[in-house]
């Protein structure tokens, strides 16, 4: 699982989900 952080949690989930998330 991946947590994408930029002072707050922008997005999180499995790699496939996060890699296509607009915030990522």
PDBML (XML) file of the C-alpha atoms, coordinates in Angstrom:
<?xml version="1.0" encoding="UTF-8" ?>
<PDBx:datablock datablockName="MODEL"
   xmlns:PDBx="http://pdbml.pdb.org/schema/pdbx-v50.xsd"
   xmlns:xsi="http://www.w3.org/2001/XMLSchema-instance"
   xsi:schemaLocation="http://pdbml.pdb.org/schema/pdbx-v50.xsd pdbx-v50.xsd">
   <PDBx:atom_siteCategory>
      <PDBx:atom_site id="1">
         <PDBx:B_iso_or_equiv>0.00</PDBx:B_iso_or_equiv>
         <PDBx:Cartn_x>0.000</PDBx:Cartn_x>
         <PDBx:Cartn_y>0.000</PDBx:Cartn_y>
         <PDBx:Cartn_z>0.000</PDBx:Cartn_z>
         <PDBx:auth_asym_id>A</PDBx:auth_asym_id>
         <PDBx:auth_atom_id>CA</PDBx:auth_atom_id>
         <PDBx:auth_comp_id>UNK</PDBx:auth_comp_id>
         <PDBx:auth_seq_id>1</PDBx:auth_seq_id>
         <PDBx:group_PDB>ATOM</PDBx:group_PDB>
         <PDBx:label_alt_id xsi:nil="true" />
         <PDBx:label_asym_id>A</PDBx:label_asym_id>
         <PDBx:label_atom_id>CA</PDBx:label_atom_id>
         <PDBx:label_comp_id>UNK</PDBx:label_comp_id>
         <PDBx:label_entity_id>1</PDBx:label_entity_id>
         <PDBx:label_seq_id>1</PDBx:label_seq_id>
         <PDBx:occupancy>1.00</PDBx:occupancy>
         <PDBx:pdbx_PDB_model_num>1</PDBx:pdbx_PDB_model_num>
         <PDBx:type_symbol>C</PDBx:type_symbol>
      </PDBx:atom_site>
      <PDBx:atom_site id="2">
         <PDBx:B_iso_or_equiv>0.00</PDBx:B_iso_or_equiv>
         <PDBx:Cartn_x>1.036</PDBx:Cartn_x>
         <PDBx:Cartn_y>3.596</PDBx:Cartn_y>
         <PDBx:Cartn_z>-0.620</PDBx:Cartn_z>
         <PDBx:auth_asym_id>A</PDBx:auth_asym_id>
         <PDBx:auth_atom_id>CA</PDBx:auth_atom_id>
         <PDBx:auth_comp_id>UNK</PDBx:auth_comp_id>
         <PDBx:auth_seq_id>2</PDBx:auth_seq_id>
         <PDBx:group_PDB>ATOM</PDBx:group_PDB>
         <PDBx:label_alt_id xsi:nil="true" />
         <PDBx:label_asym_id>A</PDBx:label_asym_id>
         <PDBx:label_atom_id>CA</PDBx:label_atom_id>
         <PDBx:label_comp_id>UNK</PDBx:label_comp_id>
         <PDBx:label_entity_id>1</PDBx:label_entity_id>
         <PDBx:label_seq_id>2</PDBx:label_seq_id>
         <PDBx:occupancy>1.00</PDBx:occupancy>
         <PDBx:pdbx_PDB_model_num>1</PDBx:pdbx_PDB_model_num>
         <PDBx:type_symbol>C</PDBx:type_symbol>
      </PDBx:atom_site>
      <PDBx:atom_site id="3">
         <PDBx:B_iso_or_equiv>0.00</PDBx:B_iso_or_equiv>
         <PDBx:Cartn_x>0.403</PDBx:Cartn_x>
         <PDBx:Cartn_y>6.768</PDBx:Cartn_y>
         <PDBx:Cartn_z>1.346</PDBx:Cartn_z>
         <PDBx:auth_asym_id>A</PDBx:auth_asym_id>
         <PDBx:auth_atom_id>CA</PDBx:auth_atom_id>
         <PDBx:auth_comp_id>UNK</PDBx:auth_comp_id>
         <PDBx:auth_seq_id>3</PDBx:auth_seq_id>
         <PDBx:group_PDB>ATOM</PDBx:group_PDB>
         <PDBx:label_alt_id xsi:nil="true" />
         <PDBx:label_asym_id>A</PDBx:label_asym_id>
         <PDBx:label_atom_id>CA</PDBx:label_atom_id>
         <PDBx:label_comp_id>UNK</PDBx:label_comp_id>
         <PDBx:label_entity_id>1</PDBx:label_entity_id>
         <PDBx:label_seq_id>3</PDBx:label_seq_id>
         <PDBx:occupancy>1.00</PDBx:occupancy>
         <PDBx:pdbx_PDB_model_num>1</PDBx:pdbx_PDB_model_num>
         <PDBx:type_symbol>C</PDBx:type_symbol>
      </PDBx:atom_site>
      <PDBx:atom_site id="4">
         <PDBx:B_iso_or_equiv>0.00</PDBx:B_iso_or_equiv>
         <PDBx:Cartn_x>1.025</PDBx:Cartn_x>
         <PDBx:Cartn_y>9.954</PDBx:Cartn_y>
         <PDBx:Cartn_z>-0.603</PDBx:Cartn_z>
         <PDBx:auth_asym_id>A</PDBx:auth_asym_id>
         <PDBx:auth_atom_id>CA</PDBx:auth_atom_id>
         <PDBx:auth_comp_id>UNK</PDBx:auth_comp_id>
         <PDBx:auth_seq_id>4</PDBx:auth_seq_id>
         <PDBx:group_PDB>ATOM</PDBx:group_PDB>
         <PDBx:label_alt_id xsi:nil="true" />
         <PDBx:label_asym_id>A</PDBx:label_asym_id>
         <PDBx:label_atom_id>CA</PDBx:label_atom_id>
         <PDBx:label_comp_id>UNK</PDBx:label_comp_id>
         <PDBx:label_entity_id>1</PDBx:label_entity_id>
         <PDBx:label_seq_id>4</PDBx:label_seq_id>
         <PDBx:occupancy>1.00</PDBx:occupancy>
         <PDBx:pdbx_PDB_model_num>1</PDBx:pdbx_PDB_model_num>
         <PDBx:type_symbol>C</PDBx:type_symbol>
      </PDBx:atom_site>
      <PDBx:atom_site id="5">
         <PDBx:B_iso_or_equiv>0.00</PDBx:B_iso_or_equiv>
         <PDBx:Cartn_x>1.787</PDBx:Cartn_x>
         <PDBx:Cartn_y>12.816</PDBx:Cartn_y>
         <PDBx:Cartn_z>1.795</PDBx:Cartn_z>
         <PDBx:auth_asym_id>A</PDBx:auth_asym_id>
         <PDBx:auth_atom_id>CA</PDBx:auth_atom_id>
         <PDBx:auth_comp_id>UNK</PDBx:auth_comp_id>
         <PDBx:auth_seq_id>5</PDBx:auth_seq_id>
         <PDBx:group_PDB>ATOM</PDBx:group_PDB>
         <PDBx:label_alt_id xsi:nil="true" />
         <PDBx:label_asym_id>A</PDBx:label_asym_id>
         <PDBx:label_atom_id>CA</PDBx:label_atom_id>
         <PDBx:label_comp_id>UNK</PDBx:label_comp_id>
         <PDBx:label_entity_id>1</PDBx:label_entity_id>
         <PDBx:label_seq_id>5</PDBx:label_seq_id>
         <PDBx:occupancy>1.00</PDBx:occupancy>
         <PDBx:pdbx_PDB_model_num>1</PDBx:pdbx_PDB_model_num>
         <PDBx:type_symbol>C</PDBx:type_symbol>
      </PDBx:atom_site>
      <PDBx:atom_site id="6">
         <PDBx:B_iso_or_equiv>0.00</PDBx:B_iso_or_equiv>
         <PDBx:Cartn_x>2.092</PDBx:Cartn_x>
         <PDBx:Cartn_y>16.547</PDBx:Cartn_y>
         <PDBx:Cartn_z>1.258</PDBx:Cartn_z>
         <PDBx:auth_asym_id>A</PDBx:auth_asym_id>
         <PDBx:auth_atom_id>CA</PDBx:auth_atom_id>
         <PDBx:auth_comp_id>UNK</PDBx:auth_comp_id>
         <PDBx:auth_seq_id>6</PDBx:auth_seq_id>
         <PDBx:group_PDB>ATOM</PDBx:group_PDB>
         <PDBx:label_alt_id xsi:nil="true" />
         <PDBx:label_asym_id>A</PDBx:label_asym_id>
         <PDBx:label_atom_id>CA</PDBx:label_atom_id>
         <PDBx:label_comp_id>UNK</PDBx:label_comp_id>
         <PDBx:label_entity_id>1</PDBx:label_entity_id>
         <PDBx:label_seq_id>6</PDBx:label_seq_id>
         <PDBx:occupancy>1.00</PDBx:occupancy>
         <PDBx:pdbx_PDB_model_num>1</PDBx:pdbx_PDB_model_num>
         <PDBx:type_symbol>C</PDBx:type_symbol>
      </PDBx:atom_site>
      <PDBx:atom_site id="7">
         <PDBx:B_iso_or_equiv>0.00</PDBx:B_iso_or_equiv>
         <PDBx:Cartn_x>1.550</PDBx:Cartn_x>
         <PDBx:Cartn_y>17.778</PDBx:Cartn_y>
         <PDBx:Cartn_z>4.836</PDBx:Cartn_z>
         <PDBx:auth_asym_id>A</PDBx:auth_asym_id>
         <PDBx:auth_atom_id>CA</PDBx:auth_atom_id>
         <PDBx:auth_comp_id>UNK</PDBx:auth_comp_id>
         <PDBx:auth_seq_id>7</PDBx:auth_seq_id>
         <PDBx:group_PDB>ATOM</PDBx:group_PDB>
         <PDBx:label_alt_id xsi:nil="true" />
         <PDBx:label_asym_id>A</PDBx:label_asym_id>
         <PDBx:label_atom_id>CA</PDBx:label_atom_id>
         <PDBx:label_comp_id>UNK</PDBx:label_comp_id>
         <PDBx:label_entity_id>1</PDBx:label_entity_id>
         <PDBx:label_seq_id>7</PDBx:label_seq_id>
         <PDBx:occupancy>1.00</PDBx:occupancy>
         <PDBx:pdbx_PDB_model_num>1</PDBx:pdbx_PDB_model_num>
         <PDBx:type_symbol>C</PDBx:type_symbol>
      </PDBx:atom_site>
      <PDBx:atom_site id="8">
         <PDBx:B_iso_or_equiv>0.00</PDBx:B_iso_or_equiv>
         <PDBx:Cartn_x>-1.813</PDBx:Cartn_x>
         <PDBx:Cartn_y>16.004</PDBx:Cartn_y>
         <PDBx:Cartn_z>4.608</PDBx:Cartn_z>
         <PDBx:auth_asym_id>A</PDBx:auth_asym_id>
         <PDBx:auth_atom_id>CA</PDBx:auth_atom_id>
         <PDBx:auth_comp_id>UNK</PDBx:auth_comp_id>
         <PDBx:auth_seq_id>8</PDBx:auth_seq_id>
         <PDBx:group_PDB>ATOM</PDBx:group_PDB>
         <PDBx:label_alt_id xsi:nil="true" />
         <PDBx:label_asym_id>A</PDBx:label_asym_id>
         <PDBx:label_atom_id>CA</PDBx:label_atom_id>
         <PDBx:label_comp_id>UNK</PDBx:label_comp_id>
         <PDBx:label_entity_id>1</PDBx:label_entity_id>
         <PDBx:label_seq_id>8</PDBx:label_seq_id>
         <PDBx:occupancy>1.00</PDBx:occupancy>
         <PDBx:pdbx_PDB_model_num>1</PDBx:pdbx_PDB_model_num>
         <PDBx:type_symbol>C</PDBx:type_symbol>
      </PDBx:atom_site>
      <PDBx:atom_site id="9">
         <PDBx:B_iso_or_equiv>0.00</PDBx:B_iso_or_equiv>
         <PDBx:Cartn_x>-2.684</PDBx:Cartn_x>
         <PDBx:Cartn_y>12.620</PDBx:Cartn_y>
         <PDBx:Cartn_z>3.112</PDBx:Cartn_z>
         <PDBx:auth_asym_id>A</PDBx:auth_asym_id>
         <PDBx:auth_atom_id>CA</PDBx:auth_atom_id>
         <PDBx:auth_comp_id>UNK</PDBx:auth_comp_id>
         <PDBx:auth_seq_id>9</PDBx:auth_seq_id>
         <PDBx:group_PDB>ATOM</PDBx:group_PDB>
         <PDBx:label_alt_id xsi:nil="true" />
         <PDBx:label_asym_id>A</PDBx:label_asym_id>
         <PDBx:label_atom_id>CA</PDBx:label_atom_id>
         <PDBx:label_comp_id>UNK</PDBx:label_comp_id>
         <PDBx:label_entity_id>1</PDBx:label_entity_id>
         <PDBx:label_seq_id>9</PDBx:label_seq_id>
         <PDBx:occupancy>1.00</PDBx:occupancy>
         <PDBx:pdbx_PDB_model_num>1</PDBx:pdbx_PDB_model_num>
         <PDBx:type_symbol>C</PDBx:type_symbol>
      </PDBx:atom_site>
      <PDBx:atom_site id="10">
         <PDBx:B_iso_or_equiv>0.00</PDBx:B_iso_or_equiv>
         <PDBx:Cartn_x>-3.326</PDBx:Cartn_x>
         <PDBx:Cartn_y>13.405</PDBx:Cartn_y>
         <PDBx:Cartn_z>-0.551</PDBx:Cartn_z>
         <PDBx:auth_asym_id>A</PDBx:auth_asym_id>
         <PDBx:auth_atom_id>CA</PDBx:auth_atom_id>
         <PDBx:auth_comp_id>UNK</PDBx:auth_comp_id>
         <PDBx:auth_seq_id>10</PDBx:auth_seq_id>
         <PDBx:group_PDB>ATOM</PDBx:group_PDB>
         <PDBx:label_alt_id xsi:nil="true" />
         <PDBx:label_asym_id>A</PDBx:label_asym_id>
         <PDBx:label_atom_id>CA</PDBx:label_atom_id>
         <PDBx:label_comp_id>UNK</PDBx:label_comp_id>
         <PDBx:label_entity_id>1</PDBx:label_entity_id>
         <PDBx:label_seq_id>10</PDBx:label_seq_id>
         <PDBx:occupancy>1.00</PDBx:occupancy>
         <PDBx:pdbx_PDB_model_num>1</PDBx:pdbx_PDB_model_num>
         <PDBx:type_symbol>C</PDBx:type_symbol>
      </PDBx:atom_site>
      <PDBx:atom_site id="11">
         <PDBx:B_iso_or_equiv>0.00</PDBx:B_iso_or_equiv>
         <PDBx:Cartn_x>-4.287</PDBx:Cartn_x>
         <PDBx:Cartn_y>9.831</PDBx:Cartn_y>
         <PDBx:Cartn_z>-1.459</PDBx:Cartn_z>
         <PDBx:auth_asym_id>A</PDBx:auth_asym_id>
         <PDBx:auth_atom_id>CA</PDBx:auth_atom_id>
         <PDBx:auth_comp_id>UNK</PDBx:auth_comp_id>
         <PDBx:auth_seq_id>11</PDBx:auth_seq_id>
         <PDBx:group_PDB>ATOM</PDBx:group_PDB>
         <PDBx:label_alt_id xsi:nil="true" />
         <PDBx:label_asym_id>A</PDBx:label_asym_id>
         <PDBx:label_atom_id>CA</PDBx:label_atom_id>
         <PDBx:label_comp_id>UNK</PDBx:label_comp_id>
         <PDBx:label_entity_id>1</PDBx:label_entity_id>
         <PDBx:label_seq_id>11</PDBx:label_seq_id>
         <PDBx:occupancy>1.00</PDBx:occupancy>
         <PDBx:pdbx_PDB_model_num>1</PDBx:pdbx_PDB_model_num>
         <PDBx:type_symbol>C</PDBx:type_symbol>
      </PDBx:atom_site>
      <PDBx:atom_site id="12">
         <PDBx:B_iso_or_equiv>0.00</PDBx:B_iso_or_equiv>
         <PDBx:Cartn_x>-3.669</PDBx:Cartn_x>
         <PDBx:Cartn_y>6.281</PDBx:Cartn_y>
         <PDBx:Cartn_z>-0.334</PDBx:Cartn_z>
         <PDBx:auth_asym_id>A</PDBx:auth_asym_id>
         <PDBx:auth_atom_id>CA</PDBx:auth_atom_id>
         <PDBx:auth_comp_id>UNK</PDBx:auth_comp_id>
         <PDBx:auth_seq_id>12</PDBx:auth_seq_id>
         <PDBx:group_PDB>ATOM</PDBx:group_PDB>
         <PDBx:label_alt_id xsi:nil="true" />
         <PDBx:label_asym_id>A</PDBx:label_asym_id>
         <PDBx:label_atom_id>CA</PDBx:label_atom_id>
         <PDBx:label_comp_id>UNK</PDBx:label_comp_id>
         <PDBx:label_entity_id>1</PDBx:label_entity_id>
         <PDBx:label_seq_id>12</PDBx:label_seq_id>
         <PDBx:occupancy>1.00</PDBx:occupancy>
         <PDBx:pdbx_PDB_model_num>1</PDBx:pdbx_PDB_model_num>
         <PDBx:type_symbol>C</PDBx:type_symbol>
      </PDBx:atom_site>
      <PDBx:atom_site id="13">
         <PDBx:B_iso_or_equiv>0.00</PDBx:B_iso_or_equiv>
         <PDBx:Cartn_x>-4.316</PDBx:Cartn_x>
         <PDBx:Cartn_y>2.723</PDBx:Cartn_y>
         <PDBx:Cartn_z>-1.456</PDBx:Cartn_z>
         <PDBx:auth_asym_id>A</PDBx:auth_asym_id>
         <PDBx:auth_atom_id>CA</PDBx:auth_atom_id>
         <PDBx:auth_comp_id>UNK</PDBx:auth_comp_id>
         <PDBx:auth_seq_id>13</PDBx:auth_seq_id>
         <PDBx:group_PDB>ATOM</PDBx:group_PDB>
         <PDBx:label_alt_id xsi:nil="true" />
         <PDBx:label_asym_id>A</PDBx:label_asym_id>
         <PDBx:label_atom_id>CA</PDBx:label_atom_id>
         <PDBx:label_comp_id>UNK</PDBx:label_comp_id>
         <PDBx:label_entity_id>1</PDBx:label_entity_id>
         <PDBx:label_seq_id>13</PDBx:label_seq_id>
         <PDBx:occupancy>1.00</PDBx:occupancy>
         <PDBx:pdbx_PDB_model_num>1</PDBx:pdbx_PDB_model_num>
         <PDBx:type_symbol>C</PDBx:type_symbol>
      </PDBx:atom_site>
      <PDBx:atom_site id="14">
         <PDBx:B_iso_or_equiv>0.00</PDBx:B_iso_or_equiv>
         <PDBx:Cartn_x>-2.622</PDBx:Cartn_x>
         <PDBx:Cartn_y>0.044</PDBx:Cartn_y>
         <PDBx:Cartn_z>-3.533</PDBx:Cartn_z>
         <PDBx:auth_asym_id>A</PDBx:auth_asym_id>
         <PDBx:auth_atom_id>CA</PDBx:auth_atom_id>
         <PDBx:auth_comp_id>UNK</PDBx:auth_comp_id>
         <PDBx:auth_seq_id>14</PDBx:auth_seq_id>
         <PDBx:group_PDB>ATOM</PDBx:group_PDB>
         <PDBx:label_alt_id xsi:nil="true" />
         <PDBx:label_asym_id>A</PDBx:label_asym_id>
         <PDBx:label_atom_id>CA</PDBx:label_atom_id>
         <PDBx:label_comp_id>UNK</PDBx:label_comp_id>
         <PDBx:label_entity_id>1</PDBx:label_entity_id>
         <PDBx:label_seq_id>14</PDBx:label_seq_id>
         <PDBx:occupancy>1.00</PDBx:occupancy>
         <PDBx:pdbx_PDB_model_num>1</PDBx:pdbx_PDB_model_num>
         <PDBx:type_symbol>C</PDBx:type_symbol>
      </PDBx:atom_site>
      <PDBx:atom_site id="15">
         <PDBx:B_iso_or_equiv>0.00</PDBx:B_iso_or_equiv>
         <PDBx:Cartn_x>0.050</PDBx:Cartn_x>
         <PDBx:Cartn_y>1.163</PDBx:Cartn_y>
         <PDBx:Cartn_z>-6.046</PDBx:Cartn_z>
         <PDBx:auth_asym_id>A</PDBx:auth_asym_id>
         <PDBx:auth_atom_id>CA</PDBx:auth_atom_id>
         <PDBx:auth_comp_id>UNK</PDBx:auth_comp_id>
         <PDBx:auth_seq_id>15</PDBx:auth_seq_id>
         <PDBx:group_PDB>ATOM</PDBx:group_PDB>
         <PDBx:label_alt_id xsi:nil="true" />
         <PDBx:label_asym_id>A</PDBx:label_asym_id>
         <PDBx:label_atom_id>CA</PDBx:label_atom_id>
         <PDBx:label_comp_id>UNK</PDBx:label_comp_id>
         <PDBx:label_entity_id>1</PDBx:label_entity_id>
         <PDBx:label_seq_id>15</PDBx:label_seq_id>
         <PDBx:occupancy>1.00</PDBx:occupancy>
         <PDBx:pdbx_PDB_model_num>1</PDBx:pdbx_PDB_model_num>
         <PDBx:type_symbol>C</PDBx:type_symbol>
      </PDBx:atom_site>
      <PDBx:atom_site id="16">
         <PDBx:B_iso_or_equiv>0.00</PDBx:B_iso_or_equiv>
         <PDBx:Cartn_x>-2.230</PDBx:Cartn_x>
         <PDBx:Cartn_y>0.835</PDBx:Cartn_y>
         <PDBx:Cartn_z>-9.062</PDBx:Cartn_z>
         <PDBx:auth_asym_id>A</PDBx:auth_asym_id>
         <PDBx:auth_atom_id>CA</PDBx:auth_atom_id>
         <PDBx:auth_comp_id>UNK</PDBx:auth_comp_id>
         <PDBx:auth_seq_id>16</PDBx:auth_seq_id>
         <PDBx:group_PDB>ATOM</PDBx:group_PDB>
         <PDBx:label_alt_id xsi:nil="true" />
         <PDBx:label_asym_id>A</PDBx:label_asym_id>
         <PDBx:label_atom_id>CA</PDBx:label_atom_id>
         <PDBx:label_comp_id>UNK</PDBx:label_comp_id>
         <PDBx:label_entity_id>1</PDBx:label_entity_id>
         <PDBx:label_seq_id>16</PDBx:label_seq_id>
         <PDBx:occupancy>1.00</PDBx:occupancy>
         <PDBx:pdbx_PDB_model_num>1</PDBx:pdbx_PDB_model_num>
         <PDBx:type_symbol>C</PDBx:type_symbol>
      </PDBx:atom_site>
      <PDBx:atom_site id="17">
         <PDBx:B_iso_or_equiv>0.00</PDBx:B_iso_or_equiv>
         <PDBx:Cartn_x>-4.864</PDBx:Cartn_x>
         <PDBx:Cartn_y>3.066</PDBx:Cartn_y>
         <PDBx:Cartn_z>-7.464</PDBx:Cartn_z>
         <PDBx:auth_asym_id>A</PDBx:auth_asym_id>
         <PDBx:auth_atom_id>CA</PDBx:auth_atom_id>
         <PDBx:auth_comp_id>UNK</PDBx:auth_comp_id>
         <PDBx:auth_seq_id>17</PDBx:auth_seq_id>
         <PDBx:group_PDB>ATOM</PDBx:group_PDB>
         <PDBx:label_alt_id xsi:nil="true" />
         <PDBx:label_asym_id>A</PDBx:label_asym_id>
         <PDBx:label_atom_id>CA</PDBx:label_atom_id>
         <PDBx:label_comp_id>UNK</PDBx:label_comp_id>
         <PDBx:label_entity_id>1</PDBx:label_entity_id>
         <PDBx:label_seq_id>17</PDBx:label_seq_id>
         <PDBx:occupancy>1.00</PDBx:occupancy>
         <PDBx:pdbx_PDB_model_num>1</PDBx:pdbx_PDB_model_num>
         <PDBx:type_symbol>C</PDBx:type_symbol>
      </PDBx:atom_site>
      <PDBx:atom_site id="18">
         <PDBx:B_iso_or_equiv>0.00</PDBx:B_iso_or_equiv>
         <PDBx:Cartn_x>-2.444</PDBx:Cartn_x>
         <PDBx:Cartn_y>5.722</PDBx:Cartn_y>
         <PDBx:Cartn_z>-6.201</PDBx:Cartn_z>
         <PDBx:auth_asym_id>A</PDBx:auth_asym_id>
         <PDBx:auth_atom_id>CA</PDBx:auth_atom_id>
         <PDBx:auth_comp_id>UNK</PDBx:auth_comp_id>
         <PDBx:auth_seq_id>18</PDBx:auth_seq_id>
         <PDBx:group_PDB>ATOM</PDBx:group_PDB>
         <PDBx:label_alt_id xsi:nil="true" />
         <PDBx:label_asym_id>A</PDBx:label_asym_id>
         <PDBx:label_atom_id>CA</PDBx:label_atom_id>
         <PDBx:label_comp_id>UNK</PDBx:label_comp_id>
         <PDBx:label_entity_id>1</PDBx:label_entity_id>
         <PDBx:label_seq_id>18</PDBx:label_seq_id>
         <PDBx:occupancy>1.00</PDBx:occupancy>
         <PDBx:pdbx_PDB_model_num>1</PDBx:pdbx_PDB_model_num>
         <PDBx:type_symbol>C</PDBx:type_symbol>
      </PDBx:atom_site>
      <PDBx:atom_site id="19">
         <PDBx:B_iso_or_equiv>0.00</PDBx:B_iso_or_equiv>
         <PDBx:Cartn_x>-0.503</PDBx:Cartn_x>
         <PDBx:Cartn_y>5.935</PDBx:Cartn_y>
         <PDBx:Cartn_z>-9.475</PDBx:Cartn_z>
         <PDBx:auth_asym_id>A</PDBx:auth_asym_id>
         <PDBx:auth_atom_id>CA</PDBx:auth_atom_id>
         <PDBx:auth_comp_id>UNK</PDBx:auth_comp_id>
         <PDBx:auth_seq_id>19</PDBx:auth_seq_id>
         <PDBx:group_PDB>ATOM</PDBx:group_PDB>
         <PDBx:label_alt_id xsi:nil="true" />
         <PDBx:label_asym_id>A</PDBx:label_asym_id>
         <PDBx:label_atom_id>CA</PDBx:label_atom_id>
         <PDBx:label_comp_id>UNK</PDBx:label_comp_id>
         <PDBx:label_entity_id>1</PDBx:label_entity_id>
         <PDBx:label_seq_id>19</PDBx:label_seq_id>
         <PDBx:occupancy>1.00</PDBx:occupancy>
         <PDBx:pdbx_PDB_model_num>1</PDBx:pdbx_PDB_model_num>
         <PDBx:type_symbol>C</PDBx:type_symbol>
      </PDBx:atom_site>
      <PDBx:atom_site id="20">
         <PDBx:B_iso_or_equiv>0.00</PDBx:B_iso_or_equiv>
         <PDBx:Cartn_x>-3.655</PDBx:Cartn_x>
         <PDBx:Cartn_y>7.097</PDBx:Cartn_y>
         <PDBx:Cartn_z>-11.295</PDBx:Cartn_z>
         <PDBx:auth_asym_id>A</PDBx:auth_asym_id>
         <PDBx:auth_atom_id>CA</PDBx:auth_atom_id>
         <PDBx:auth_comp_id>UNK</PDBx:auth_comp_id>
         <PDBx:auth_seq_id>20</PDBx:auth_seq_id>
         <PDBx:group_PDB>ATOM</PDBx:group_PDB>
         <PDBx:label_alt_id xsi:nil="true" />
         <PDBx:label_asym_id>A</PDBx:label_asym_id>
         <PDBx:label_atom_id>CA</PDBx:label_atom_id>
         <PDBx:label_comp_id>UNK</PDBx:label_comp_id>
         <PDBx:label_entity_id>1</PDBx:label_entity_id>
         <PDBx:label_seq_id>20</PDBx:label_seq_id>
         <PDBx:occupancy>1.00</PDBx:occupancy>
         <PDBx:pdbx_PDB_model_num>1</PDBx:pdbx_PDB_model_num>
         <PDBx:type_symbol>C</PDBx:type_symbol>
      </PDBx:atom_site>
      <PDBx:atom_site id="21">
         <PDBx:B_iso_or_equiv>0.00</PDBx:B_iso_or_equiv>
         <PDBx:Cartn_x>-5.036</PDBx:Cartn_x>
         <PDBx:Cartn_y>9.324</PDBx:Cartn_y>
         <PDBx:Cartn_z>-8.522</PDBx:Cartn_z>
         <PDBx:auth_asym_id>A</PDBx:auth_asym_id>
         <PDBx:auth_atom_id>CA</PDBx:auth_atom_id>
         <PDBx:auth_comp_id>UNK</PDBx:auth_comp_id>
         <PDBx:auth_seq_id>21</PDBx:auth_seq_id>
         <PDBx:group_PDB>ATOM</PDBx:group_PDB>
         <PDBx:label_alt_id xsi:nil="true" />
         <PDBx:label_asym_id>A</PDBx:label_asym_id>
         <PDBx:label_atom_id>CA</PDBx:label_atom_id>
         <PDBx:label_comp_id>UNK</PDBx:label_comp_id>
         <PDBx:label_entity_id>1</PDBx:label_entity_id>
         <PDBx:label_seq_id>21</PDBx:label_seq_id>
         <PDBx:occupancy>1.00</PDBx:occupancy>
         <PDBx:pdbx_PDB_model_num>1</PDBx:pdbx_PDB_model_num>
         <PDBx:type_symbol>C</PDBx:type_symbol>
      </PDBx:atom_site>
      <PDBx:atom_site id="22">
         <PDBx:B_iso_or_equiv>0.00</PDBx:B_iso_or_equiv>
         <PDBx:Cartn_x>-5.292</PDBx:Cartn_x>
         <PDBx:Cartn_y>13.013</PDBx:Cartn_y>
         <PDBx:Cartn_z>-9.584</PDBx:Cartn_z>
         <PDBx:auth_asym_id>A</PDBx:auth_asym_id>
         <PDBx:auth_atom_id>CA</PDBx:auth_atom_id>
         <PDBx:auth_comp_id>UNK</PDBx:auth_comp_id>
         <PDBx:auth_seq_id>22</PDBx:auth_seq_id>
         <PDBx:group_PDB>ATOM</PDBx:group_PDB>
         <PDBx:label_alt_id xsi:nil="true" />
         <PDBx:label_asym_id>A</PDBx:label_asym_id>
         <PDBx:label_atom_id>CA</PDBx:label_atom_id>
         <PDBx:label_comp_id>UNK</PDBx:label_comp_id>
         <PDBx:label_entity_id>1</PDBx:label_entity_id>
         <PDBx:label_seq_id>22</PDBx:label_seq_id>
         <PDBx:occupancy>1.00</PDBx:occupancy>
         <PDBx:pdbx_PDB_model_num>1</PDBx:pdbx_PDB_model_num>
         <PDBx:type_symbol>C</PDBx:type_symbol>
      </PDBx:atom_site>
      <PDBx:atom_site id="23">
         <PDBx:B_iso_or_equiv>0.00</PDBx:B_iso_or_equiv>
         <PDBx:Cartn_x>-3.594</PDBx:Cartn_x>
         <PDBx:Cartn_y>14.141</PDBx:Cartn_y>
         <PDBx:Cartn_z>-6.368</PDBx:Cartn_z>
         <PDBx:auth_asym_id>A</PDBx:auth_asym_id>
         <PDBx:auth_atom_id>CA</PDBx:auth_atom_id>
         <PDBx:auth_comp_id>UNK</PDBx:auth_comp_id>
         <PDBx:auth_seq_id>23</PDBx:auth_seq_id>
         <PDBx:group_PDB>ATOM</PDBx:group_PDB>
         <PDBx:label_alt_id xsi:nil="true" />
         <PDBx:label_asym_id>A</PDBx:label_asym_id>
         <PDBx:label_atom_id>CA</PDBx:label_atom_id>
         <PDBx:label_comp_id>UNK</PDBx:label_comp_id>
         <PDBx:label_entity_id>1</PDBx:label_entity_id>
         <PDBx:label_seq_id>23</PDBx:label_seq_id>
         <PDBx:occupancy>1.00</PDBx:occupancy>
         <PDBx:pdbx_PDB_model_num>1</PDBx:pdbx_PDB_model_num>
         <PDBx:type_symbol>C</PDBx:type_symbol>
      </PDBx:atom_site>
      <PDBx:atom_site id="24">
         <PDBx:B_iso_or_equiv>0.00</PDBx:B_iso_or_equiv>
         <PDBx:Cartn_x>-0.617</PDBx:Cartn_x>
         <PDBx:Cartn_y>11.871</PDBx:Cartn_y>
         <PDBx:Cartn_z>-7.059</PDBx:Cartn_z>
         <PDBx:auth_asym_id>A</PDBx:auth_asym_id>
         <PDBx:auth_atom_id>CA</PDBx:auth_atom_id>
         <PDBx:auth_comp_id>UNK</PDBx:auth_comp_id>
         <PDBx:auth_seq_id>24</PDBx:auth_seq_id>
         <PDBx:group_PDB>ATOM</PDBx:group_PDB>
         <PDBx:label_alt_id xsi:nil="true" />
         <PDBx:label_asym_id>A</PDBx:label_asym_id>
         <PDBx:label_atom_id>CA</PDBx:label_atom_id>
         <PDBx:label_comp_id>UNK</PDBx:label_comp_id>
         <PDBx:label_entity_id>1</PDBx:label_entity_id>
         <PDBx:label_seq_id>24</PDBx:label_seq_id>
         <PDBx:occupancy>1.00</PDBx:occupancy>
         <PDBx:pdbx_PDB_model_num>1</PDBx:pdbx_PDB_model_num>
         <PDBx:type_symbol>C</PDBx:type_symbol>
      </PDBx:atom_site>
   </PDBx:atom_siteCategory>
</PDBx:datablock>
